[in-house]
Amino acid sequence: MALTFFRIPRNKKFNYKPVYYDQKKEERKKREKAALEEDSGDYEKALRERMQMRWKRTSGKRTRSASNQRLVIIFIVMFLLLYLIFFL
């Protein structure tokens, strides 16, 4: 047994396991669940879930296209302003 006057700190170890979220996988599971519920007779609930999933998919496309259009308009306006400032 060796005598030590200074205690050397050790690295701390954690048992952390990262959890990954896969949105497509979650949507796939919801569709499968809705299909199974549709067979069981709860048609209204399954229809509501299906409509919500469609609405979520299409809403992202609309916002992206609106954002792209806004960006193009801003570039056109900036180009026209620079043209007016430097060439007129």
PDB file of N, CA and C in Angstrom:
ATOM      1  N   MET A   1       0.847  -1.170   0.000  1.00  0.00           N
ATOM      2  CA  MET A   1       0.000   0.000   0.000  1.00  0.00           C
ATOM      3  C   MET A   1       0.893   1.235   0.000  1.00  0.00           C
ATOM      4  N   ALA A   2       0.692   2.069  -1.007  1.00  0.00           N
ATOM      5  CA  ALA A   2       1.529   3.248  -1.148  1.00  0.00           C
ATOM      6  C   ALA A   2       0.854   4.432  -0.466  1.00  0.00           C
ATOM      7  N   LEU A   3       1.640   5.263   0.148  1.00  0.00           N
ATOM      8  CA  LEU A   3       1.127   6.478   0.776  1.00  0.00           C
ATOM      9  C   LEU A   3       1.057   7.582  -0.280  1.00  0.00           C
ATOM     10  N   THR A   4      -0.088   8.245  -0.343  1.00  0.00           N
ATOM     11  CA  THR A   4      -0.211   9.357  -1.292  1.00  0.00           C
ATOM     12  C   THR A   4      -0.624  10.603  -0.521  1.00  0.00           C
ATOM     13  N   PHE A   5       0.007  11.708  -0.850  1.00  0.00           N
ATOM     14  CA  PHE A   5      -0.314  12.966  -0.200  1.00  0.00           C
ATOM     15  C   PHE A   5      -1.295  13.790  -1.029  1.00  0.00           C
ATOM     16  N   PHE A   6      -1.278  13.557  -2.341  1.00  0.00           N
ATOM     17  CA  PHE A   6      -2.168  14.294  -3.226  1.00  0.00           C
ATOM     18  C   PHE A   6      -3.117  13.315  -3.897  1.00  0.00           C
ATOM     19  N   ARG A   7      -4.391  13.687  -3.898  1.00  0.00           N
ATOM     20  CA  ARG A   7      -5.383  12.831  -4.551  1.00  0.00           C
ATOM     21  C   ARG A   7      -5.540  13.267  -6.000  1.00  0.00           C
ATOM     22  N   ILE A   8      -5.367  12.366  -6.915  1.00  0.00           N
ATOM     23  CA  ILE A   8      -5.488  12.672  -8.330  1.00  0.00           C
ATOM     24  C   ILE A   8      -6.940  12.438  -8.742  1.00  0.00           C
ATOM     25  N   PRO A   9      -7.608  13.466  -9.282  1.00  0.00           N
ATOM     26  CA  PRO A   9      -9.011  13.291  -9.669  1.00  0.00           C
ATOM     27  C   PRO A   9      -9.147  12.378 -10.884  1.00  0.00           C
ATOM     28  N   ARG A  10     -10.168  11.581 -10.882  1.00  0.00           N
ATOM     29  CA  ARG A  10     -10.454  10.672 -11.998  1.00  0.00           C
ATOM     30  C   ARG A  10     -11.563  11.265 -12.860  1.00  0.00           C
ATOM     31  N   ASN A  11     -11.629  10.799 -14.086  1.00  0.00           N
ATOM     32  CA  ASN A  11     -12.713  11.229 -14.964  1.00  0.00           C
ATOM     33  C   ASN A  11     -14.026  10.649 -14.475  1.00  0.00           C
ATOM     34  N   LYS A  12     -15.089  11.458 -14.588  1.00  0.00           N
ATOM     35  CA  LYS A  12     -16.406  10.979 -14.212  1.00  0.00           C
ATOM     36  C   LYS A  12     -17.018  10.232 -15.383  1.00  0.00           C
ATOM     37  N   LYS A  13     -17.696   9.155 -15.099  1.00  0.00           N
ATOM     38  CA  LYS A  13     -18.331   8.359 -16.141  1.00  0.00           C
ATOM     39  C   LYS A  13     -19.839   8.466 -15.972  1.00  0.00           C
ATOM     40  N   PHE A  14     -20.513   8.661 -17.086  1.00  0.00           N
ATOM     41  CA  PHE A  14     -21.958   8.762 -17.076  1.00  0.00           C
ATOM     42  C   PHE A  14     -22.543   7.663 -17.948  1.00  0.00           C
ATOM     43  N   ASN A  15     -23.727   7.227 -17.625  1.00  0.00           N
ATOM     44  CA  ASN A  15     -24.409   6.202 -18.401  1.00  0.00           C
ATOM     45  C   ASN A  15     -25.446   6.845 -19.313  1.00  0.00           C
ATOM     46  N   TYR A  16     -25.036   7.814 -20.079  1.00  0.00           N
ATOM     47  CA  TYR A  16     -25.946   8.536 -20.964  1.00  0.00           C
ATOM     48  C   TYR A  16     -26.019   7.831 -22.316  1.00  0.00           C
ATOM     49  N   LYS A  17     -27.241   7.509 -22.737  1.00  0.00           N
ATOM     50  CA  LYS A  17     -27.449   6.909 -24.050  1.00  0.00           C
ATOM     51  C   LYS A  17     -28.335   7.848 -24.848  1.00  0.00           C
ATOM     52  N   PRO A  18     -27.815   8.438 -25.919  1.00  0.00           N
ATOM     53  CA  PRO A  18     -28.614   9.395 -26.689  1.00  0.00           C
ATOM     54  C   PRO A  18     -29.808   8.730 -27.360  1.00  0.00           C
ATOM     55  N   VAL A  19     -30.902   9.481 -27.448  1.00  0.00           N
ATOM     56  CA  VAL A  19     -32.115   9.000 -28.078  1.00  0.00           C
ATOM     57  C   VAL A  19     -32.308   9.800 -29.354  1.00  0.00           C
ATOM     58  N   TYR A  20     -32.497   9.118 -30.465  1.00  0.00           N
ATOM     59  CA  TYR A  20     -32.666   9.785 -31.744  1.00  0.00           C
ATOM     60  C   TYR A  20     -34.139   9.766 -32.130  1.00  0.00           C
ATOM     61  N   TYR A  21     -34.608  10.874 -32.653  1.00  0.00           N
ATOM     62  CA  TYR A  21     -36.007  11.014 -33.061  1.00  0.00           C
ATOM     63  C   TYR A  21     -36.074  10.957 -34.579  1.00  0.00           C
ATOM     64  N   ASP A  22     -36.832  10.020 -35.096  1.00  0.00           N
ATOM     65  CA  ASP A  22     -37.002   9.876 -36.529  1.00  0.00           C
ATOM     66  C   ASP A  22     -38.456  10.199 -36.865  1.00  0.00           C
ATOM     67  N   GLN A  23     -38.676  11.365 -37.430  1.00  0.00           N
ATOM     68  CA  GLN A  23     -40.032  11.833 -37.696  1.00  0.00           C
ATOM     69  C   GLN A  23     -40.750  10.929 -38.696  1.00  0.00           C
ATOM     70  N   LYS A  24     -40.055  10.494 -39.728  1.00  0.00           N
ATOM     71  CA  LYS A  24     -40.686   9.623 -40.722  1.00  0.00           C
ATOM     72  C   LYS A  24     -41.128   8.304 -40.101  1.00  0.00           C
ATOM     73  N   LYS A  25     -40.301   7.770 -39.221  1.00  0.00           N
ATOM     74  CA  LYS A  25     -40.643   6.514 -38.568  1.00  0.00           C
ATOM     75  C   LYS A  25     -41.880   6.683 -37.687  1.00  0.00           C
ATOM     76  N   GLU A  26     -41.963   7.796 -36.971  1.00  0.00           N
ATOM     77  CA  GLU A  26     -43.122   8.061 -36.120  1.00  0.00           C
ATOM     78  C   GLU A  26     -44.395   8.184 -36.960  1.00  0.00           C
ATOM     79  N   GLU A  27     -44.302   8.887 -38.094  1.00  0.00           N
ATOM     80  CA  GLU A  27     -45.473   9.030 -38.964  1.00  0.00           C
ATOM     81  C   GLU A  27     -45.892   7.674 -39.531  1.00  0.00           C
ATOM     82  N   ARG A  28     -44.913   6.841 -39.886  1.00  0.00           N
ATOM     83  CA  ARG A  28     -45.210   5.516 -40.404  1.00  0.00           C
ATOM     84  C   ARG A  28     -45.952   4.688 -39.361  1.00  0.00           C
ATOM     85  N   LYS A  29     -45.502   4.758 -38.104  1.00  0.00           N
ATOM     86  CA  LYS A  29     -46.166   4.022 -37.029  1.00  0.00           C
ATOM     87  C   LYS A  29     -47.603   4.523 -36.829  1.00  0.00           C
ATOM     88  N   LYS A  30     -47.790   5.838 -36.933  1.00  0.00           N
ATOM     89  CA  LYS A  30     -49.146   6.387 -36.793  1.00  0.00           C
ATOM     90  C   LYS A  30     -50.054   5.890 -37.906  1.00  0.00           C
ATOM     91  N   ARG A  31     -49.513   5.826 -39.135  1.00  0.00           N
ATOM     92  CA  ARG A  31     -50.323   5.338 -40.255  1.00  0.00           C
ATOM     93  C   ARG A  31     -50.691   3.873 -40.072  1.00  0.00           C
ATOM     94  N   GLU A  32     -49.724   3.085 -39.596  1.00  0.00           N
ATOM     95  CA  GLU A  32     -50.015   1.672 -39.346  1.00  0.00           C
ATOM     96  C   GLU A  32     -51.075   1.517 -38.264  1.00  0.00           C
ATOM     97  N   LYS A  33     -50.951   2.305 -37.220  1.00  0.00           N
ATOM     98  CA  LYS A  33     -51.924   2.257 -36.132  1.00  0.00           C
ATOM     99  C   LYS A  33     -53.300   2.673 -36.632  1.00  0.00           C
ATOM    100  N   ALA A  34     -53.333   3.720 -37.473  1.00  0.00           N
ATOM    101  CA  ALA A  34     -54.613   4.181 -38.021  1.00  0.00           C
ATOM    102  C   ALA A  34     -55.234   3.114 -38.916  1.00  0.00           C
ATOM    103  N   ALA A  35     -54.411   2.412 -39.673  1.00  0.00           N
ATOM    104  CA  ALA A  35     -54.936   1.353 -40.539  1.00  0.00           C
ATOM    105  C   ALA A  35     -55.512   0.215 -39.715  1.00  0.00           C
ATOM    106  N   LEU A  36     -54.857  -0.126 -38.619  1.00  0.00           N
ATOM    107  CA  LEU A  36     -55.377  -1.182 -37.754  1.00  0.00           C
ATOM    108  C   LEU A  36     -56.671  -0.754 -37.063  1.00  0.00           C
ATOM    109  N   GLU A  37     -56.732   0.532 -36.666  1.00  0.00           N
ATOM    110  CA  GLU A  37     -57.947   1.037 -36.028  1.00  0.00           C
ATOM    111  C   GLU A  37     -59.094   1.119 -37.028  1.00  0.00           C
ATOM    112  N   GLU A  38     -58.760   1.380 -38.270  1.00  0.00           N
ATOM    113  CA  GLU A  38     -59.794   1.456 -39.306  1.00  0.00           C
ATOM    114  C   GLU A  38     -60.475   0.102 -39.449  1.00  0.00           C
ATOM    115  N   ASP A  39     -59.699  -0.956 -39.322  1.00  0.00           N
ATOM    116  CA  ASP A  39     -60.262  -2.297 -39.388  1.00  0.00           C
ATOM    117  C   ASP A  39     -61.125  -2.609 -38.167  1.00  0.00           C
ATOM    118  N   SER A  40     -60.796  -1.980 -37.055  1.00  0.00           N
ATOM    119  CA  SER A  40     -61.530  -2.285 -35.825  1.00  0.00           C
ATOM    120  C   SER A  40     -62.883  -1.575 -35.769  1.00  0.00           C
ATOM    121  N   GLY A  41     -63.126  -0.581 -36.603  1.00  0.00           N
ATOM    122  CA  GLY A  41     -64.437   0.054 -36.641  1.00  0.00           C
ATOM    123  C   GLY A  41     -64.439   1.504 -36.183  1.00  0.00           C
ATOM    124  N   ASP A  42     -63.345   2.022 -35.641  1.00  0.00           N
ATOM    125  CA  ASP A  42     -63.303   3.423 -35.219  1.00  0.00           C
ATOM    126  C   ASP A  42     -62.860   4.273 -36.414  1.00  0.00           C
ATOM    127  N   TYR A  43     -63.741   4.388 -37.384  1.00  0.00           N
ATOM    128  CA  TYR A  43     -63.405   5.013 -38.657  1.00  0.00           C
ATOM    129  C   TYR A  43     -63.193   6.520 -38.511  1.00  0.00           C
ATOM    130  N   GLU A  44     -64.005   7.193 -37.695  1.00  0.00           N
ATOM    131  CA  GLU A  44     -63.885   8.652 -37.568  1.00  0.00           C
ATOM    132  C   GLU A  44     -62.531   9.052 -36.999  1.00  0.00           C
ATOM    133  N   LYS A  45     -62.086   8.343 -35.986  1.00  0.00           N
ATOM    134  CA  LYS A  45     -60.795   8.679 -35.376  1.00  0.00           C
ATOM    135  C   LYS A  45     -59.653   8.444 -36.361  1.00  0.00           C
ATOM    136  N   ALA A  46     -59.710   7.349 -37.094  1.00  0.00           N
ATOM    137  CA  ALA A  46     -58.667   7.046 -38.078  1.00  0.00           C
ATOM    138  C   ALA A  46     -58.662   8.091 -39.188  1.00  0.00           C
ATOM    139  N   LEU A  47     -59.849   8.504 -39.622  1.00  0.00           N
ATOM    140  CA  LEU A  47     -59.948   9.526 -40.668  1.00  0.00           C
ATOM    141  C   LEU A  47     -59.375  10.853 -40.190  1.00  0.00           C
ATOM    142  N   ARG A  48     -59.674  11.208 -38.958  1.00  0.00           N
ATOM    143  CA  ARG A  48     -59.160  12.459 -38.388  1.00  0.00           C
ATOM    144  C   ARG A  48     -57.635  12.439 -38.333  1.00  0.00           C
ATOM    145  N   GLU A  49     -57.062  11.321 -37.881  1.00  0.00           N
ATOM    146  CA  GLU A  49     -55.607  11.200 -37.829  1.00  0.00           C
ATOM    147  C   GLU A  49     -54.985  11.318 -39.222  1.00  0.00           C
ATOM    148  N   ARG A  50     -55.594  10.667 -40.196  1.00  0.00           N
ATOM    149  CA  ARG A  50     -55.079  10.707 -41.562  1.00  0.00           C
ATOM    150  C   ARG A  50     -55.113  12.130 -42.121  1.00  0.00           C
ATOM    151  N   MET A  51     -56.200  12.845 -41.858  1.00  0.00           N
ATOM    152  CA  MET A  51     -56.310  14.220 -42.345  1.00  0.00           C
ATOM    153  C   MET A  51     -55.282  15.122 -41.683  1.00  0.00           C
ATOM    154  N   GLN A  52     -55.036  14.923 -40.397  1.00  0.00           N
ATOM    155  CA  GLN A  52     -54.032  15.733 -39.706  1.00  0.00           C
ATOM    156  C   GLN A  52     -52.641  15.481 -40.269  1.00  0.00           C
ATOM    157  N   MET A  53     -52.326  14.228 -40.567  1.00  0.00           N
ATOM    158  CA  MET A  53     -51.006  13.920 -41.135  1.00  0.00           C
ATOM    159  C   MET A  53     -50.842  14.566 -42.514  1.00  0.00           C
ATOM    160  N   ARG A  54     -51.873  14.520 -43.337  1.00  0.00           N
ATOM    161  CA  ARG A  54     -51.800  15.156 -44.656  1.00  0.00           C
ATOM    162  C   ARG A  54     -51.622  16.655 -44.529  1.00  0.00           C
ATOM    163  N   TRP A  55     -52.355  17.261 -43.602  1.00  0.00           N
ATOM    164  CA  TRP A  55     -52.269  18.703 -43.425  1.00  0.00           C
ATOM    165  C   TRP A  55     -50.861  19.096 -42.983  1.00  0.00           C
ATOM    166  N   LYS A  56     -50.256  18.315 -42.091  1.00  0.00           N
ATOM    167  CA  LYS A  56     -48.898  18.619 -41.638  1.00  0.00           C
ATOM    168  C   LYS A  56     -47.900  18.517 -42.789  1.00  0.00           C
ATOM    169  N   ARG A  57     -48.072  17.508 -43.654  1.00  0.00           N
ATOM    170  CA  ARG A  57     -47.143  17.344 -44.781  1.00  0.00           C
ATOM    171  C   ARG A  57     -47.247  18.498 -45.760  1.00  0.00           C
ATOM    172  N   THR A  58     -48.463  18.941 -46.078  1.00  0.00           N
ATOM    173  CA  THR A  58     -48.629  19.996 -47.079  1.00  0.00           C
ATOM    174  C   THR A  58     -48.331  21.373 -46.519  1.00  0.00           C
ATOM    175  N   SER A  59     -48.494  21.582 -45.214  1.00  0.00           N
ATOM    176  CA  SER A  59     -48.250  22.911 -44.652  1.00  0.00           C
ATOM    177  C   SER A  59     -46.778  23.291 -44.758  1.00  0.00           C
ATOM    178  N   GLY A  60     -45.875  22.344 -44.618  1.00  0.00           N
ATOM    179  CA  GLY A  60     -44.446  22.628 -44.742  1.00  0.00           C
ATOM    180  C   GLY A  60     -44.065  23.054 -46.138  1.00  0.00           C
ATOM    181  N   LYS A  61     -44.699  22.465 -47.154  1.00  0.00           N
ATOM    182  CA  LYS A  61     -44.402  22.830 -48.537  1.00  0.00           C
ATOM    183  C   LYS A  61     -44.848  24.253 -48.831  1.00  0.00           C
ATOM    184  N   ARG A  62     -45.999  24.632 -48.301  1.00  0.00           N
ATOM    185  CA  ARG A  62     -46.501  25.993 -48.534  1.00  0.00           C
ATOM    186  C   ARG A  62     -45.581  27.033 -47.924  1.00  0.00           C
ATOM    187  N   THR A  63     -45.121  26.797 -46.717  1.00  0.00           N
ATOM    188  CA  THR A  63     -44.259  27.787 -46.065  1.00  0.00           C
ATOM    189  C   THR A  63     -42.923  27.896 -46.782  1.00  0.00           C
ATOM    190  N   ARG A  64     -42.386  26.765 -47.268  1.00  0.00           N
ATOM    191  CA  ARG A  64     -41.119  26.824 -48.000  1.00  0.00           C
ATOM    192  C   ARG A  64     -41.270  27.597 -49.299  1.00  0.00           C
ATOM    193  N   SER A  65     -42.346  27.343 -50.035  1.00  0.00           N
ATOM    194  CA  SER A  65     -42.523  28.034 -51.309  1.00  0.00           C
ATOM    195  C   SER A  65     -42.776  29.521 -51.076  1.00  0.00           C
ATOM    196  N   ALA A  66     -43.521  29.867 -50.027  1.00  0.00           N
ATOM    197  CA  ALA A  66     -43.755  31.275 -49.721  1.00  0.00           C
ATOM    198  C   ALA A  66     -42.448  31.956 -49.327  1.00  0.00           C
ATOM    199  N   SER A  67     -41.626  31.249 -48.577  1.00  0.00           N
ATOM    200  CA  SER A  67     -40.338  31.801 -48.170  1.00  0.00           C
ATOM    201  C   SER A  67     -39.434  32.019 -49.380  1.00  0.00           C
ATOM    202  N   ASN A  68     -39.424  31.071 -50.299  1.00  0.00           N
ATOM    203  CA  ASN A  68     -38.603  31.210 -51.503  1.00  0.00           C
ATOM    204  C   ASN A  68     -39.083  32.368 -52.367  1.00  0.00           C
ATOM    205  N   GLN A  69     -40.382  32.536 -52.497  1.00  0.00           N
ATOM    206  CA  GLN A  69     -40.919  33.650 -53.281  1.00  0.00           C
ATOM    207  C   GLN A  69     -40.536  34.979 -52.643  1.00  0.00           C
ATOM    208  N   ARG A  70     -40.634  35.058 -51.336  1.00  0.00           N
ATOM    209  CA  ARG A  70     -40.274  36.284 -50.627  1.00  0.00           C
ATOM    210  C   ARG A  70     -38.804  36.612 -50.841  1.00  0.00           C
ATOM    211  N   LEU A  71     -37.957  35.605 -50.821  1.00  0.00           N
ATOM    212  CA  LEU A  71     -36.527  35.806 -51.016  1.00  0.00           C
ATOM    213  C   LEU A  71     -36.233  36.319 -52.429  1.00  0.00           C
ATOM    214  N   VAL A  72     -36.894  35.773 -53.425  1.00  0.00           N
ATOM    215  CA  VAL A  72     -36.707  36.219 -54.805  1.00  0.00           C
ATOM    216  C   VAL A  72     -37.149  37.674 -54.953  1.00  0.00           C
ATOM    217  N   ILE A  73     -38.258  38.027 -54.356  1.00  0.00           N
ATOM    218  CA  ILE A  73     -38.753  39.409 -54.439  1.00  0.00           C
ATOM    219  C   ILE A  73     -37.773  40.367 -53.775  1.00  0.00           C
ATOM    220  N   ILE A  74     -37.220  39.985 -52.640  1.00  0.00           N
ATOM    221  CA  ILE A  74     -36.240  40.843 -51.966  1.00  0.00           C
ATOM    222  C   ILE A  74     -35.008  41.036 -52.828  1.00  0.00           C
ATOM    223  N   PHE A  75     -34.516  39.979 -53.475  1.00  0.00           N
ATOM    224  CA  PHE A  75     -33.354  40.119 -54.358  1.00  0.00           C
ATOM    225  C   PHE A  75     -33.657  41.036 -55.540  1.00  0.00           C
ATOM    226  N   ILE A  76     -34.831  40.932 -56.116  1.00  0.00           N
ATOM    227  CA  ILE A  76     -35.199  41.795 -57.242  1.00  0.00           C
ATOM    228  C   ILE A  76     -35.240  43.252 -56.813  1.00  0.00           C
ATOM    229  N   VAL A  77     -35.848  43.517 -55.668  1.00  0.00           N
ATOM    230  CA  VAL A  77     -35.937  44.895 -55.172  1.00  0.00           C
ATOM    231  C   VAL A  77     -34.546  45.439 -54.876  1.00  0.00           C
ATOM    232  N   MET A  78     -33.691  44.629 -54.254  1.00  0.00           N
ATOM    233  CA  MET A  78     -32.330  45.090 -53.968  1.00  0.00           C
ATOM    234  C   MET A  78     -31.563  45.359 -55.255  1.00  0.00           C
ATOM    235  N   PHE A  79     -31.711  44.511 -56.247  1.00  0.00           N
ATOM    236  CA  PHE A  79     -31.038  44.715 -57.522  1.00  0.00           C
ATOM    237  C   PHE A  79     -31.502  46.017 -58.176  1.00  0.00           C
ATOM    238  N   LEU A  80     -32.806  46.269 -58.164  1.00  0.00           N
ATOM    239  CA  LEU A  80     -33.327  47.502 -58.751  1.00  0.00           C
ATOM    240  C   LEU A  80     -32.827  48.731 -58.006  1.00  0.00           C
ATOM    241  N   LEU A  81     -32.785  48.674 -56.693  1.00  0.00           N
ATOM    242  CA  LEU A  81     -32.264  49.807 -55.920  1.00  0.00           C
ATOM    243  C   LEU A  81     -30.794  50.060 -56.220  1.00  0.00           C
ATOM    244  N   LEU A  82     -29.997  49.016 -56.278  1.00  0.00           N
ATOM    245  CA  LEU A  82     -28.580  49.188 -56.606  1.00  0.00           C
ATOM    246  C   LEU A  82     -28.396  49.723 -58.023  1.00  0.00           C
ATOM    247  N   TYR A  83     -29.211  49.271 -58.945  1.00  0.00           N
ATOM    248  CA  TYR A  83     -29.137  49.763 -60.320  1.00  0.00           C
ATOM    249  C   TYR A  83     -29.466  51.263 -60.352  1.00  0.00           C
ATOM    250  N   LEU A  84     -30.510  51.646 -59.633  1.00  0.00           N
ATOM    251  CA  LEU A  84     -30.888  53.069 -59.599  1.00  0.00           C
ATOM    252  C   LEU A  84     -29.826  53.933 -58.952  1.00  0.00           C
ATOM    253  N   ILE A  85     -29.192  53.441 -57.918  1.00  0.00           N
ATOM    254  CA  ILE A  85     -28.177  54.213 -57.201  1.00  0.00           C
ATOM    255  C   ILE A  85     -26.904  54.383 -58.037  1.00  0.00           C
ATOM    256  N   PHE A  86     -26.414  53.326 -58.659  1.00  0.00           N
ATOM    257  CA  PHE A  86     -25.135  53.379 -59.320  1.00  0.00           C
ATOM    258  C   PHE A  86     -25.195  53.778 -60.790  1.00  0.00           C
ATOM    259  N   PHE A  87     -26.303  53.570 -61.482  1.00  0.00           N
ATOM    260  CA  PHE A  87     -26.331  53.826 -62.910  1.00  0.00           C
ATOM    261  C   PHE A  87     -27.224  54.974 -63.322  1.00  0.00           C
ATOM    262  N   LEU A  88     -27.911  55.601 -62.412  1.00  0.00           N
ATOM    263  CA  LEU A  88     -28.733  56.764 -62.782  1.00  0.00           C
ATOM    264  C   LEU A  88     -28.302  58.003 -62.093  1.00  0.00           C
TER     265      LEU A  88
END
